[in-house]
Amino acid sequence: MTIKAVTFDLWDTIVDDDSDEILRAEQGLRTKKEERRHQIWSALNAIEPIEYDSVALAYDTTEAGFNVVWKECYINWTVAQRIRVVLSGLKRQVPDEVFAQLVADHAQMEVDIPPLPIDGIKEALAELSTRYKLSIVSDSIVTPGTGLREILSTHGLKQYFSGFAFSDEVGRSKPHRAMFDAAAQQLDVDVSEIVHIGDRDQNDVKGPHAIGAKAILFTATRPDDREITTADAICNSHHDLPAIVDRLAAE
């Protein structure tokens, strides 16, 4: 079957995952990791004094659990779930309005200071959207799908997509087929008519291959999997992406 749709990972494929940390440093702000822990410590400490190190340890332990569930069960805990686990580990509670604010502050951090788009992505999307249906298929590690849409809008990229499969909305994370099925349903195509683009071989190549889709490994910002990938093609620059997709479509 021919290729009718192109799906994109977000992190290190459309935006440079670490670029917002540079922007935060330039503004004299804490790193995202430090800020998330500080937010919870500040909320708890205002109610009853608590050592920052205790909060950081509980957060680190929660992150370790999140990674196991993410990588082995293909589920991303939501921000609310993660904060509840942190509070449970500390045997602490906060008022509902304080909890809601913590969730909102976590979710808003990358929206307020968004990671930067990777060079050439807007031009590639503009060209590809004239020949294929486009969708995002991305894990929402901290920022929920609502916030990720805002980031895409900020960079003038959301307009090119007809579908959005974010893990917090789908209920599973890549490489689970539910993520790719969600995109296919929104685009009204069969999964075998999709080529997916992403930077991780396990999630963005083996995931699509397992359900009959094609896959392109994107290596411009994260080349770690270049030597081990089973991708149908490797792309190191978005300037080359339309031609690579067209070649796969013609095969």
C-alpha atoms as a PDB file:
ATOM      1  CA  MET A   1       0.000   0.000   0.000  1.00  0.00           C
ATOM      2  CA  THR A   2       1.196   3.507  -0.735  1.00  0.00           C
ATOM      3  CA  ILE A   3       2.116   6.069   1.915  1.00  0.00           C
ATOM      4  CA  LYS A   4      -0.741   8.474   2.589  1.00  0.00           C
ATOM      5  CA  ALA A   5       0.280   9.896   5.964  1.00  0.00           C
ATOM      6  CA  VAL A   6       3.362  10.987   7.879  1.00  0.00           C
ATOM      7  CA  THR A   7       3.455  10.922  11.676  1.00  0.00           C
ATOM      8  CA  PHE A   8       5.997  12.734  13.809  1.00  0.00           C
ATOM      9  CA  ASP A   9       7.482  12.277  17.238  1.00  0.00           C
ATOM     10  CA  LEU A  10       7.748  15.657  18.985  1.00  0.00           C
ATOM     11  CA  TRP A  11      10.814  15.570  21.226  1.00  0.00           C
ATOM     12  CA  ASP A  12      14.153  15.724  19.386  1.00  0.00           C
ATOM     13  CA  THR A  13      12.269  15.407  16.116  1.00  0.00           C
ATOM     14  CA  ILE A  14      10.223  18.606  15.887  1.00  0.00           C
ATOM     15  CA  VAL A  15      11.686  20.487  18.856  1.00  0.00           C
ATOM     16  CA  ASP A  16      15.121  20.237  20.461  1.00  0.00           C
ATOM     17  CA  ASP A  17      14.412  18.632  23.834  1.00  0.00           C
ATOM     18  CA  ASP A  18      17.158  20.430  25.800  1.00  0.00           C
ATOM     19  CA  SER A  19      17.017  23.847  24.135  1.00  0.00           C
ATOM     20  CA  ASP A  20      14.657  25.329  26.722  1.00  0.00           C
ATOM     21  CA  GLU A  21      17.189  24.639  29.473  1.00  0.00           C
ATOM     22  CA  ILE A  22      19.557  27.080  27.770  1.00  0.00           C
ATOM     23  CA  LEU A  23      16.785  29.683  27.694  1.00  0.00           C
ATOM     24  CA  ARG A  24      16.021  29.085  31.376  1.00  0.00           C
ATOM     25  CA  ALA A  25      19.678  29.489  32.320  1.00  0.00           C
ATOM     26  CA  GLU A  26      19.882  32.756  30.384  1.00  0.00           C
ATOM     27  CA  GLN A  27      16.960  34.036  32.470  1.00  0.00           C
ATOM     28  CA  GLY A  28      18.552  32.937  35.739  1.00  0.00           C
ATOM     29  CA  LEU A  29      15.919  30.257  36.343  1.00  0.00           C
ATOM     30  CA  ARG A  30      16.320  26.828  37.885  1.00  0.00           C
ATOM     31  CA  THR A  31      16.530  23.820  35.588  1.00  0.00           C
ATOM     32  CA  LYS A  32      13.212  22.103  34.975  1.00  0.00           C
ATOM     33  CA  LYS A  33      14.279  19.210  37.206  1.00  0.00           C
ATOM     34  CA  GLU A  34      15.166  21.543  40.060  1.00  0.00           C
ATOM     35  CA  GLU A  35      12.074  23.726  39.594  1.00  0.00           C
ATOM     36  CA  ARG A  36       9.660  20.788  39.740  1.00  0.00           C
ATOM     37  CA  ARG A  37      11.139  19.620  43.019  1.00  0.00           C
ATOM     38  CA  HIS A  38      11.230  23.156  44.364  1.00  0.00           C
ATOM     39  CA  GLN A  39       7.557  23.672  43.560  1.00  0.00           C
ATOM     40  CA  ILE A  40       6.514  20.688  45.661  1.00  0.00           C
ATOM     41  CA  TRP A  41       8.933  21.532  48.480  1.00  0.00           C
ATOM     42  CA  SER A  42       7.680  25.125  48.587  1.00  0.00           C
ATOM     43  CA  ALA A  43       4.034  24.048  48.758  1.00  0.00           C
ATOM     44  CA  LEU A  44       4.682  21.512  51.509  1.00  0.00           C
ATOM     45  CA  ASN A  45       7.054  23.730  53.467  1.00  0.00           C
ATOM     46  CA  ALA A  46       4.437  26.497  53.570  1.00  0.00           C
ATOM     47  CA  ILE A  47       2.057  24.105  55.318  1.00  0.00           C
ATOM     48  CA  GLU A  48       4.574  22.377  57.597  1.00  0.00           C
ATOM     49  CA  PRO A  49       8.391  22.633  57.450  1.00  0.00           C
ATOM     50  CA  ILE A  50      10.109  19.860  55.499  1.00  0.00           C
ATOM     51  CA  GLU A  51      13.667  19.339  54.276  1.00  0.00           C
ATOM     52  CA  TYR A  52      14.222  19.942  50.588  1.00  0.00           C
ATOM     53  CA  ASP A  53      16.392  16.820  50.328  1.00  0.00           C
ATOM     54  CA  SER A  54      13.480  14.666  51.498  1.00  0.00           C
ATOM     55  CA  VAL A  55      11.265  16.058  48.765  1.00  0.00           C
ATOM     56  CA  ALA A  56      13.994  15.624  46.145  1.00  0.00           C
ATOM     57  CA  LEU A  57      14.499  11.985  47.168  1.00  0.00           C
ATOM     58  CA  ALA A  58      10.763  11.267  46.980  1.00  0.00           C
ATOM     59  CA  TYR A  59      10.623  12.914  43.555  1.00  0.00           C
ATOM     60  CA  ASP A  60      13.653  10.960  42.329  1.00  0.00           C
ATOM     61  CA  THR A  61      12.086   7.703  43.524  1.00  0.00           C
ATOM     62  CA  THR A  62       8.847   8.560  41.760  1.00  0.00           C
ATOM     63  CA  GLU A  63      10.748   9.303  38.547  1.00  0.00           C
ATOM     64  CA  ALA A  64      12.426   5.895  38.765  1.00  0.00           C
ATOM     65  CA  GLY A  65       9.015   4.249  39.058  1.00  0.00           C
ATOM     66  CA  PHE A  66       7.682   6.338  36.180  1.00  0.00           C
ATOM     67  CA  ASN A  67      10.526   5.153  33.943  1.00  0.00           C
ATOM     68  CA  VAL A  68       9.840   1.498  34.711  1.00  0.00           C
ATOM     69  CA  VAL A  69       6.129   1.841  33.933  1.00  0.00           C
ATOM     70  CA  TRP A  70       6.904   3.903  30.816  1.00  0.00           C
ATOM     71  CA  LYS A  71       9.517   1.588  29.347  1.00  0.00           C
ATOM     72  CA  GLU A  72       8.070  -1.767  30.399  1.00  0.00           C
ATOM     73  CA  CYS A  73       4.307  -1.188  30.426  1.00  0.00           C
ATOM     74  CA  TYR A  74       4.117   1.605  27.823  1.00  0.00           C
ATOM     75  CA  ILE A  75       2.124   3.918  30.071  1.00  0.00           C
ATOM     76  CA  ASN A  76       2.989   7.501  31.018  1.00  0.00           C
ATOM     77  CA  TRP A  77       1.777   8.535  34.454  1.00  0.00           C
ATOM     78  CA  THR A  78       0.120  11.929  34.267  1.00  0.00           C
ATOM     79  CA  VAL A  79       1.538  14.868  36.212  1.00  0.00           C
ATOM     80  CA  ALA A  80      -1.253  14.508  38.758  1.00  0.00           C
ATOM     81  CA  GLN A  81      -0.449  10.820  39.263  1.00  0.00           C
ATOM     82  CA  ARG A  82       3.248  11.546  39.714  1.00  0.00           C
ATOM     83  CA  ILE A  83       2.653  14.289  42.259  1.00  0.00           C
ATOM     84  CA  ARG A  84       0.306  11.995  44.197  1.00  0.00           C
ATOM     85  CA  VAL A  85       3.040   9.349  44.325  1.00  0.00           C
ATOM     86  CA  VAL A  86       5.540  11.937  45.612  1.00  0.00           C
ATOM     87  CA  LEU A  87       3.146  13.096  48.318  1.00  0.00           C
ATOM     88  CA  SER A  88       2.304   9.519  49.266  1.00  0.00           C
ATOM     89  CA  GLY A  89       5.989   8.691  49.672  1.00  0.00           C
ATOM     90  CA  LEU A  90       6.364  11.690  51.972  1.00  0.00           C
ATOM     91  CA  LYS A  91       3.144  10.825  53.839  1.00  0.00           C
ATOM     92  CA  ARG A  92       1.928  14.347  53.225  1.00  0.00           C
ATOM     93  CA  GLN A  93      -1.247  15.912  51.829  1.00  0.00           C
ATOM     94  CA  VAL A  94      -2.079  19.342  50.474  1.00  0.00           C
ATOM     95  CA  PRO A  95      -5.408  21.143  49.994  1.00  0.00           C
ATOM     96  CA  ASP A  96      -7.133  20.505  46.675  1.00  0.00           C
ATOM     97  CA  GLU A  97      -6.424  24.015  45.395  1.00  0.00           C
ATOM     98  CA  VAL A  98      -2.716  23.665  46.212  1.00  0.00           C
ATOM     99  CA  PHE A  99      -2.587  20.287  44.459  1.00  0.00           C
ATOM    100  CA  ALA A 100      -4.318  21.729  41.380  1.00  0.00           C
ATOM    101  CA  GLN A 101      -1.812  24.593  41.285  1.00  0.00           C
ATOM    102  CA  LEU A 102       1.135  22.179  41.468  1.00  0.00           C
ATOM    103  CA  VAL A 103      -0.250  20.212  38.543  1.00  0.00           C
ATOM    104  CA  ALA A 104      -0.847  23.395  36.548  1.00  0.00           C
ATOM    105  CA  ASP A 105       2.628  24.778  37.305  1.00  0.00           C
ATOM    106  CA  HIS A 106       4.299  21.539  36.216  1.00  0.00           C
ATOM    107  CA  ALA A 107       2.227  21.396  33.032  1.00  0.00           C
ATOM    108  CA  GLN A 108       2.861  25.029  32.122  1.00  0.00           C
ATOM    109  CA  MET A 109       6.641  25.110  32.500  1.00  0.00           C
ATOM    110  CA  GLU A 110       7.521  24.064  28.939  1.00  0.00           C
ATOM    111  CA  VAL A 111       4.662  26.141  27.542  1.00  0.00           C
ATOM    112  CA  ASP A 112       5.929  29.339  29.151  1.00  0.00           C
ATOM    113  CA  ILE A 113       9.496  28.693  27.969  1.00  0.00           C
ATOM    114  CA  PRO A 114       9.110  26.285  25.052  1.00  0.00           C
ATOM    115  CA  PRO A 115      11.903  24.222  23.514  1.00  0.00           C
ATOM    116  CA  LEU A 116      13.047  25.548  20.154  1.00  0.00           C
ATOM    117  CA  PRO A 117      12.051  24.016  16.802  1.00  0.00           C
ATOM    118  CA  ILE A 118      14.710  22.079  14.947  1.00  0.00           C
ATOM    119  CA  ASP A 119      16.127  23.780  11.868  1.00  0.00           C
ATOM    120  CA  GLY A 120      14.106  23.211   8.718  1.00  0.00           C
ATOM    121  CA  ILE A 121      11.050  21.624  10.355  1.00  0.00           C
ATOM    122  CA  LYS A 122       8.544  24.303   9.320  1.00  0.00           C
ATOM    123  CA  GLU A 123       9.604  24.169   5.687  1.00  0.00           C
ATOM    124  CA  ALA A 124       9.499  20.356   5.711  1.00  0.00           C
ATOM    125  CA  LEU A 125       6.001  20.299   7.231  1.00  0.00           C
ATOM    126  CA  ALA A 126       4.748  22.907   4.789  1.00  0.00           C
ATOM    127  CA  GLU A 127       5.925  20.831   1.839  1.00  0.00           C
ATOM    128  CA  LEU A 128       4.875  17.432   3.164  1.00  0.00           C
ATOM    129  CA  SER A 129       1.391  18.709   4.063  1.00  0.00           C
ATOM    130  CA  THR A 130       0.725  19.347   0.377  1.00  0.00           C
ATOM    131  CA  ARG A 131       1.064  15.628  -0.415  1.00  0.00           C
ATOM    132  CA  TYR A 132       0.367  13.727   2.822  1.00  0.00           C
ATOM    133  CA  LYS A 133      -1.816  13.877   5.910  1.00  0.00           C
ATOM    134  CA  LEU A 134       0.258  14.733   8.991  1.00  0.00           C
ATOM    135  CA  SER A 135      -0.118  13.803  12.657  1.00  0.00           C
ATOM    136  CA  ILE A 136       1.831  13.972  15.893  1.00  0.00           C
ATOM    137  CA  VAL A 137       2.463  10.684  17.734  1.00  0.00           C
ATOM    138  CA  SER A 138       4.336  11.596  20.898  1.00  0.00           C
ATOM    139  CA  ASP A 139       4.721  10.702  24.549  1.00  0.00           C
ATOM    140  CA  SER A 140       3.752  13.520  26.897  1.00  0.00           C
ATOM    141  CA  ILE A 141       6.368  13.035  29.595  1.00  0.00           C
ATOM    142  CA  VAL A 142       5.440  16.043  31.755  1.00  0.00           C
ATOM    143  CA  THR A 143       3.636  18.567  29.586  1.00  0.00           C
ATOM    144  CA  PRO A 144       0.184  17.205  28.647  1.00  0.00           C
ATOM    145  CA  GLY A 145      -1.163  17.150  25.121  1.00  0.00           C
ATOM    146  CA  THR A 146      -2.990  20.434  25.641  1.00  0.00           C
ATOM    147  CA  GLY A 147       0.318  22.146  26.422  1.00  0.00           C
ATOM    148  CA  LEU A 148       2.148  20.428  23.576  1.00  0.00           C
ATOM    149  CA  ARG A 149      -0.442  21.780  21.154  1.00  0.00           C
ATOM    150  CA  GLU A 150       0.276  25.264  22.550  1.00  0.00           C
ATOM    151  CA  ILE A 151       4.009  24.775  21.949  1.00  0.00           C
ATOM    152  CA  LEU A 152       3.312  23.781  18.346  1.00  0.00           C
ATOM    153  CA  SER A 153       1.067  26.836  17.943  1.00  0.00           C
ATOM    154  CA  THR A 154       3.722  29.129  19.411  1.00  0.00           C
ATOM    155  CA  HIS A 155       6.141  27.997  16.717  1.00  0.00           C
ATOM    156  CA  GLY A 156       3.543  28.215  13.928  1.00  0.00           C
ATOM    157  CA  LEU A 157       3.573  24.444  13.373  1.00  0.00           C
ATOM    158  CA  LYS A 158       0.193  23.214  14.650  1.00  0.00           C
ATOM    159  CA  GLN A 159      -1.560  24.285  11.440  1.00  0.00           C
ATOM    160  CA  TYR A 160       0.105  21.511   9.450  1.00  0.00           C
ATOM    161  CA  PHE A 161      -1.297  18.632  11.536  1.00  0.00           C
ATOM    162  CA  SER A 162      -4.681  16.952  11.163  1.00  0.00           C
ATOM    163  CA  GLY A 163      -4.191  14.520  14.046  1.00  0.00           C
ATOM    164  CA  PHE A 164      -2.640  14.404  17.503  1.00  0.00           C
ATOM    165  CA  ALA A 165      -1.899  11.216  19.435  1.00  0.00           C
ATOM    166  CA  PHE A 166      -0.446  12.166  22.824  1.00  0.00           C
ATOM    167  CA  SER A 167       0.152   9.471  25.412  1.00  0.00           C
ATOM    168  CA  ASP A 168      -1.794  11.204  28.203  1.00  0.00           C
ATOM    169  CA  GLU A 169      -4.853  11.292  25.934  1.00  0.00           C
ATOM    170  CA  VAL A 170      -4.470   7.859  24.323  1.00  0.00           C
ATOM    171  CA  GLY A 171      -3.716   6.117  27.635  1.00  0.00           C
ATOM    172  CA  ARG A 172      -0.670   4.253  26.320  1.00  0.00           C
ATOM    173  CA  SER A 173       2.791   5.370  25.196  1.00  0.00           C
ATOM    174  CA  LYS A 174       5.036   4.400  22.310  1.00  0.00           C
ATOM    175  CA  PRO A 175       5.810   1.834  21.037  1.00  0.00           C
ATOM    176  CA  HIS A 176       2.317   0.522  21.933  1.00  0.00           C
ATOM    177  CA  ARG A 177       0.219   0.260  18.794  1.00  0.00           C
ATOM    178  CA  ALA A 178      -2.627   2.241  20.380  1.00  0.00           C
ATOM    179  CA  MET A 179      -0.626   5.398  19.744  1.00  0.00           C
ATOM    180  CA  PHE A 180      -0.287   4.719  16.025  1.00  0.00           C
ATOM    181  CA  ASP A 181      -3.847   3.400  15.739  1.00  0.00           C
ATOM    182  CA  ALA A 182      -5.115   6.665  17.249  1.00  0.00           C
ATOM    183  CA  ALA A 183      -3.278   8.687  14.605  1.00  0.00           C
ATOM    184  CA  ALA A 184      -4.449   6.405  11.780  1.00  0.00           C
ATOM    185  CA  GLN A 185      -8.075   6.723  12.904  1.00  0.00           C
ATOM    186  CA  GLN A 186      -7.865  10.506  13.072  1.00  0.00           C
ATOM    187  CA  LEU A 187      -6.303  10.682   9.608  1.00  0.00           C
ATOM    188  CA  ASP A 188      -8.649   8.031   8.168  1.00  0.00           C
ATOM    189  CA  VAL A 189      -5.807   5.869   6.852  1.00  0.00           C
ATOM    190  CA  ASP A 190      -4.598   2.355   7.515  1.00  0.00           C
ATOM    191  CA  VAL A 191      -1.491   2.037   9.710  1.00  0.00           C
ATOM    192  CA  SER A 192       0.274   0.381   6.761  1.00  0.00           C
ATOM    193  CA  GLU A 193      -0.135   3.668   4.882  1.00  0.00           C
ATOM    194  CA  ILE A 194       1.901   5.584   7.487  1.00  0.00           C
ATOM    195  CA  VAL A 195       5.567   6.463   7.680  1.00  0.00           C
ATOM    196  CA  HIS A 196       6.601   7.560  11.173  1.00  0.00           C
ATOM    197  CA  ILE A 197       9.552   9.836  11.978  1.00  0.00           C
ATOM    198  CA  GLY A 198      11.325   9.901  15.325  1.00  0.00           C
ATOM    199  CA  ASP A 199      14.673   9.737  17.097  1.00  0.00           C
ATOM    200  CA  ARG A 200      14.408   6.504  19.128  1.00  0.00           C
ATOM    201  CA  ASP A 201      14.766   3.129  17.448  1.00  0.00           C
ATOM    202  CA  GLN A 202      12.742   1.233  20.070  1.00  0.00           C
ATOM    203  CA  ASN A 203       9.790   3.620  20.098  1.00  0.00           C
ATOM    204  CA  ASP A 204       9.844   5.271  16.680  1.00  0.00           C
ATOM    205  CA  VAL A 205      11.125   2.466  14.445  1.00  0.00           C
ATOM    206  CA  LYS A 206      10.335  -0.895  16.014  1.00  0.00           C
ATOM    207  CA  GLY A 207       6.929   0.353  17.148  1.00  0.00           C
ATOM    208  CA  PRO A 208       5.749   1.285  13.632  1.00  0.00           C
ATOM    209  CA  HIS A 209       7.418  -1.765  12.071  1.00  0.00           C
ATOM    210  CA  ALA A 210       5.529  -4.088  14.428  1.00  0.00           C
ATOM    211  CA  ILE A 211       2.204  -2.919  12.976  1.00  0.00           C
ATOM    212  CA  GLY A 212       3.223  -2.734   9.320  1.00  0.00           C
ATOM    213  CA  ALA A 213       4.123   0.952   9.044  1.00  0.00           C
ATOM    214  CA  LYS A 214       7.385   2.355   7.727  1.00  0.00           C
ATOM    215  CA  ALA A 215       9.793   4.370   9.853  1.00  0.00           C
ATOM    216  CA  ILE A 216      12.485   7.015   9.428  1.00  0.00           C
ATOM    217  CA  LEU A 217      15.064   7.547  12.174  1.00  0.00           C
ATOM    218  CA  PHE A 218      15.756  11.263  12.708  1.00  0.00           C
ATOM    219  CA  THR A 219      19.292  11.902  13.960  1.00  0.00           C
ATOM    220  CA  ALA A 220      19.920  15.666  13.860  1.00  0.00           C
ATOM    221  CA  THR A 221      19.738  16.251  17.626  1.00  0.00           C
ATOM    222  CA  ARG A 222      19.937  12.686  18.972  1.00  0.00           C
ATOM    223  CA  PRO A 223      22.049  10.337  16.850  1.00  0.00           C
ATOM    224  CA  ASP A 224      22.388   7.666  19.594  1.00  0.00           C
ATOM    225  CA  ASP A 225      20.508   4.917  17.707  1.00  0.00           C
ATOM    226  CA  ARG A 226      21.983   5.513  14.282  1.00  0.00           C
ATOM    227  CA  GLU A 227      24.249   2.441  14.318  1.00  0.00           C
ATOM    228  CA  ILE A 228      21.616   0.009  15.616  1.00  0.00           C
ATOM    229  CA  THR A 229      18.468   1.105  13.815  1.00  0.00           C
ATOM    230  CA  THR A 230      16.355  -1.032  11.514  1.00  0.00           C
ATOM    231  CA  ALA A 231      14.662   2.052  10.049  1.00  0.00           C
ATOM    232  CA  ASP A 232      13.653   2.195   6.403  1.00  0.00           C
ATOM    233  CA  ALA A 233      15.712   5.380   6.126  1.00  0.00           C
ATOM    234  CA  ILE A 234      17.830   7.722   8.234  1.00  0.00           C
ATOM    235  CA  CYS A 235      17.382  11.494   8.090  1.00  0.00           C
ATOM    236  CA  ASN A 236      19.926  13.913   9.536  1.00  0.00           C
ATOM    237  CA  SER A 237      18.263  17.127   8.390  1.00  0.00           C
ATOM    238  CA  HIS A 238      14.672  18.221   7.870  1.00  0.00           C
ATOM    239  CA  HIS A 239      15.788  19.813   4.622  1.00  0.00           C
ATOM    240  CA  ASP A 240      16.171  16.255   3.260  1.00  0.00           C
ATOM    241  CA  LEU A 241      12.976  14.846   4.779  1.00  0.00           C
ATOM    242  CA  PRO A 242      10.413  15.475   1.993  1.00  0.00           C
ATOM    243  CA  ALA A 243      12.617  13.747  -0.580  1.00  0.00           C
ATOM    244  CA  ILE A 244      13.157  10.763   1.749  1.00  0.00           C
ATOM    245  CA  VAL A 245       9.420  10.374   2.361  1.00  0.00           C
ATOM    246  CA  ASP A 246       8.678  10.663  -1.364  1.00  0.00           C
ATOM    247  CA  ARG A 247      11.277   7.981  -2.116  1.00  0.00           C
ATOM    248  CA  LEU A 248       9.709   5.579   0.375  1.00  0.00           C
ATOM    249  CA  ALA A 249       6.265   6.341  -1.023  1.00  0.00           C
ATOM    250  CA  ALA A 250       7.458   5.493  -4.511  1.00  0.00           C
ATOM    251  CA  GLU A 251       8.985   2.155  -3.558  1.00  0.00           C
END
